[in-house]
Amino acid sequence: MALSTANGIVSLKSRHSVEETVEKLQNLLRAKGVTLFALVDHSGEAEKAGLKMPNTKLLIFGNPKAGTPVMLAAPSSAIDLPLKILVAEDAQGNVLVSYNSAEYLQQRHDIPAQMSPVLAVVGTLAQVAADSNSAACA
């Protein structure tokens, strides 16, 4: 069971490399008909700038049919939508899959409770991609 940290970010330890975890997420999104708007390769861009950082990638994804009603009900939610999952290697070589919890987003933007399933999908995707049943990392 995943536990949220105080700042609303949930981090799960992945059983896979960054590349494998990202590939799993991409396949899951494709299978569910969810649009991958962007894949940001933070570490790759850092390397192009002559800097070094652990392997770090951000997936930005969503479904306009699901997300638009959320943004209409709570316009400030557009700053956090589309949804995002960060896949990053930490200093010990662990791969973490991190995301904003649905509860955090709902509270932050006062999103109506009936819309929480739209936000909760991010946690399910992260859990499946990480193949993790373990508690979240702080």
Protein backbone atom coordinates (compact mmCIF):
# COMPACT_ATOMS: atom_id res chain seq x y z
CA MET A 1 0.00 0.00 0.00
CA ALA A 2 1.40 3.39 -1.00
CA LEU A 3 1.65 6.21 1.50
CA SER A 4 1.66 9.87 0.47
CA THR A 5 4.24 12.21 1.84
CA ALA A 6 3.21 15.56 3.32
CA ASN A 7 3.70 17.34 0.01
CA GLY A 8 1.31 15.05 -1.85
CA ILE A 9 3.99 13.17 -3.79
CA VAL A 10 3.87 9.38 -3.73
CA SER A 11 7.04 7.47 -4.67
CA LEU A 12 7.11 3.76 -5.36
CA LYS A 13 10.23 1.68 -5.82
CA SER A 14 10.26 0.10 -9.27
CA ARG A 15 11.50 -3.41 -9.88
CA HIS A 16 12.76 -2.28 -13.29
CA SER A 17 15.28 0.10 -14.82
CA VAL A 18 14.20 3.62 -15.76
CA GLU A 19 13.96 2.62 -19.42
CA GLU A 20 11.94 -0.53 -18.69
CA THR A 21 9.59 1.36 -16.37
CA VAL A 22 9.05 4.13 -18.93
CA GLU A 23 8.41 1.52 -21.63
CA LYS A 24 5.86 -0.23 -19.40
CA LEU A 25 4.10 3.09 -18.78
CA GLN A 26 4.05 3.92 -22.49
CA ASN A 27 2.55 0.50 -23.28
CA LEU A 28 -0.06 0.89 -20.53
CA LEU A 29 -1.05 4.34 -21.78
CA ARG A 30 -1.31 3.10 -25.36
CA ALA A 31 -3.41 0.08 -24.30
CA LYS A 32 -5.79 2.34 -22.36
CA GLY A 33 -6.10 4.86 -25.20
CA VAL A 34 -4.49 7.59 -23.12
CA THR A 35 -2.48 10.28 -24.92
CA LEU A 36 1.19 10.66 -24.06
CA PHE A 37 1.63 14.39 -24.59
CA ALA A 38 5.33 14.48 -23.80
CA LEU A 39 8.24 12.44 -22.55
CA VAL A 40 10.79 14.77 -21.00
CA ASP A 41 14.28 13.29 -20.71
CA HIS A 42 15.70 15.50 -17.96
CA SER A 43 18.98 13.58 -17.70
CA GLY A 44 19.40 13.54 -21.48
CA GLU A 45 18.91 17.29 -21.68
CA ALA A 46 21.32 17.79 -18.78
CA GLU A 47 23.92 15.75 -20.64
CA LYS A 48 23.47 17.92 -23.75
CA ALA A 49 24.23 20.93 -21.54
CA GLY A 50 27.41 19.28 -20.24
CA LEU A 51 25.87 18.34 -16.89
CA LYS A 52 25.37 14.96 -15.30
CA MET A 53 22.36 13.72 -13.38
CA PRO A 54 20.88 10.30 -12.66
CA ASN A 55 18.56 8.87 -15.30
CA THR A 56 15.35 10.92 -14.95
CA LYS A 57 12.31 10.98 -17.23
CA LEU A 58 8.90 12.66 -16.91
CA LEU A 59 5.81 11.37 -18.69
CA ILE A 60 2.97 13.85 -19.24
CA PHE A 61 -0.27 12.16 -20.24
CA GLY A 62 -4.02 12.36 -20.16
CA ASN A 63 -7.36 11.99 -21.83
CA PRO A 64 -9.06 15.26 -22.79
CA LYS A 65 -12.52 13.64 -22.46
CA ALA A 66 -11.74 12.88 -18.82
CA GLY A 67 -9.54 15.85 -17.91
CA THR A 68 -11.53 18.68 -19.46
CA PRO A 69 -14.55 18.25 -17.12
CA VAL A 70 -12.14 18.35 -14.16
CA MET A 71 -10.62 21.61 -15.41
CA LEU A 72 -14.09 23.08 -16.01
CA ALA A 73 -15.16 22.19 -12.47
CA ALA A 74 -11.88 23.39 -10.93
CA PRO A 75 -10.03 25.71 -13.36
CA SER A 76 -6.85 25.90 -11.27
CA SER A 77 -6.37 22.14 -11.80
CA ALA A 78 -5.09 22.97 -15.30
CA ILE A 79 -1.74 23.78 -13.68
CA ASP A 80 -1.44 20.10 -12.61
CA LEU A 81 -3.15 18.53 -15.61
CA PRO A 82 -2.37 16.63 -17.70
CA LEU A 83 -1.21 14.06 -15.19
CA LYS A 84 2.49 13.34 -14.73
CA ILE A 85 4.66 10.45 -13.61
CA LEU A 86 8.35 10.92 -12.85
CA VAL A 87 10.64 7.92 -13.28
CA ALA A 88 14.06 8.58 -11.77
CA GLU A 89 17.09 6.81 -10.43
CA ASP A 90 18.16 7.93 -6.95
CA ALA A 91 21.70 8.21 -5.55
CA GLN A 92 21.62 4.56 -4.44
CA GLY A 93 20.62 3.33 -7.90
CA ASN A 94 17.00 2.63 -6.99
CA VAL A 95 14.38 3.54 -9.57
CA LEU A 96 11.45 5.51 -8.16
CA VAL A 97 8.09 6.12 -9.80
CA SER A 98 6.61 9.33 -8.38
CA TYR A 99 3.34 11.19 -8.88
CA ASN A 100 0.97 13.64 -7.21
CA SER A 101 -1.63 11.71 -5.23
CA ALA A 102 -5.24 12.04 -6.30
CA GLU A 103 -6.14 13.17 -2.78
CA TYR A 104 -3.56 15.94 -2.92
CA LEU A 105 -4.78 17.19 -6.30
CA GLN A 106 -8.41 16.99 -5.21
CA GLN A 107 -7.75 18.98 -2.06
CA ARG A 108 -5.37 21.45 -3.72
CA HIS A 109 -7.91 22.43 -6.36
CA ASP A 110 -11.17 21.64 -4.54
CA ILE A 111 -12.10 19.12 -7.22
CA PRO A 112 -15.53 17.54 -6.70
CA ALA A 113 -15.32 14.08 -5.13
CA GLN A 114 -17.16 12.41 -8.01
CA MET A 115 -14.23 13.33 -10.27
CA SER A 116 -11.61 11.58 -8.14
CA PRO A 117 -11.50 8.43 -10.35
CA VAL A 118 -10.08 10.59 -13.17
CA LEU A 119 -7.19 11.57 -10.90
CA ALA A 120 -6.76 8.18 -9.24
CA VAL A 121 -5.73 6.49 -12.49
CA VAL A 122 -2.21 7.89 -12.06
CA GLY A 123 -1.65 5.79 -8.94
CA THR A 124 -2.84 2.62 -10.64
CA LEU A 125 -0.57 3.22 -13.64
CA ALA A 126 2.43 3.88 -11.39
CA GLN A 127 1.76 0.76 -9.31
CA VAL A 128 1.48 -1.49 -12.37
CA ALA A 129 4.56 0.00 -14.07
CA ALA A 130 6.64 -0.41 -10.92
CA ASP A 131 5.23 -3.89 -10.22
CA SER A 132 5.29 -2.69 -6.66
CA ASN A 133 3.18 -3.84 -3.75
CA SER A 134 5.51 -2.17 -1.28
CA ALA A 135 4.99 0.99 0.71
CA ALA A 136 5.96 4.28 -0.83
CA CYS A 137 9.36 5.80 -0.21
CA ALA A 138 9.59 9.09 1.61
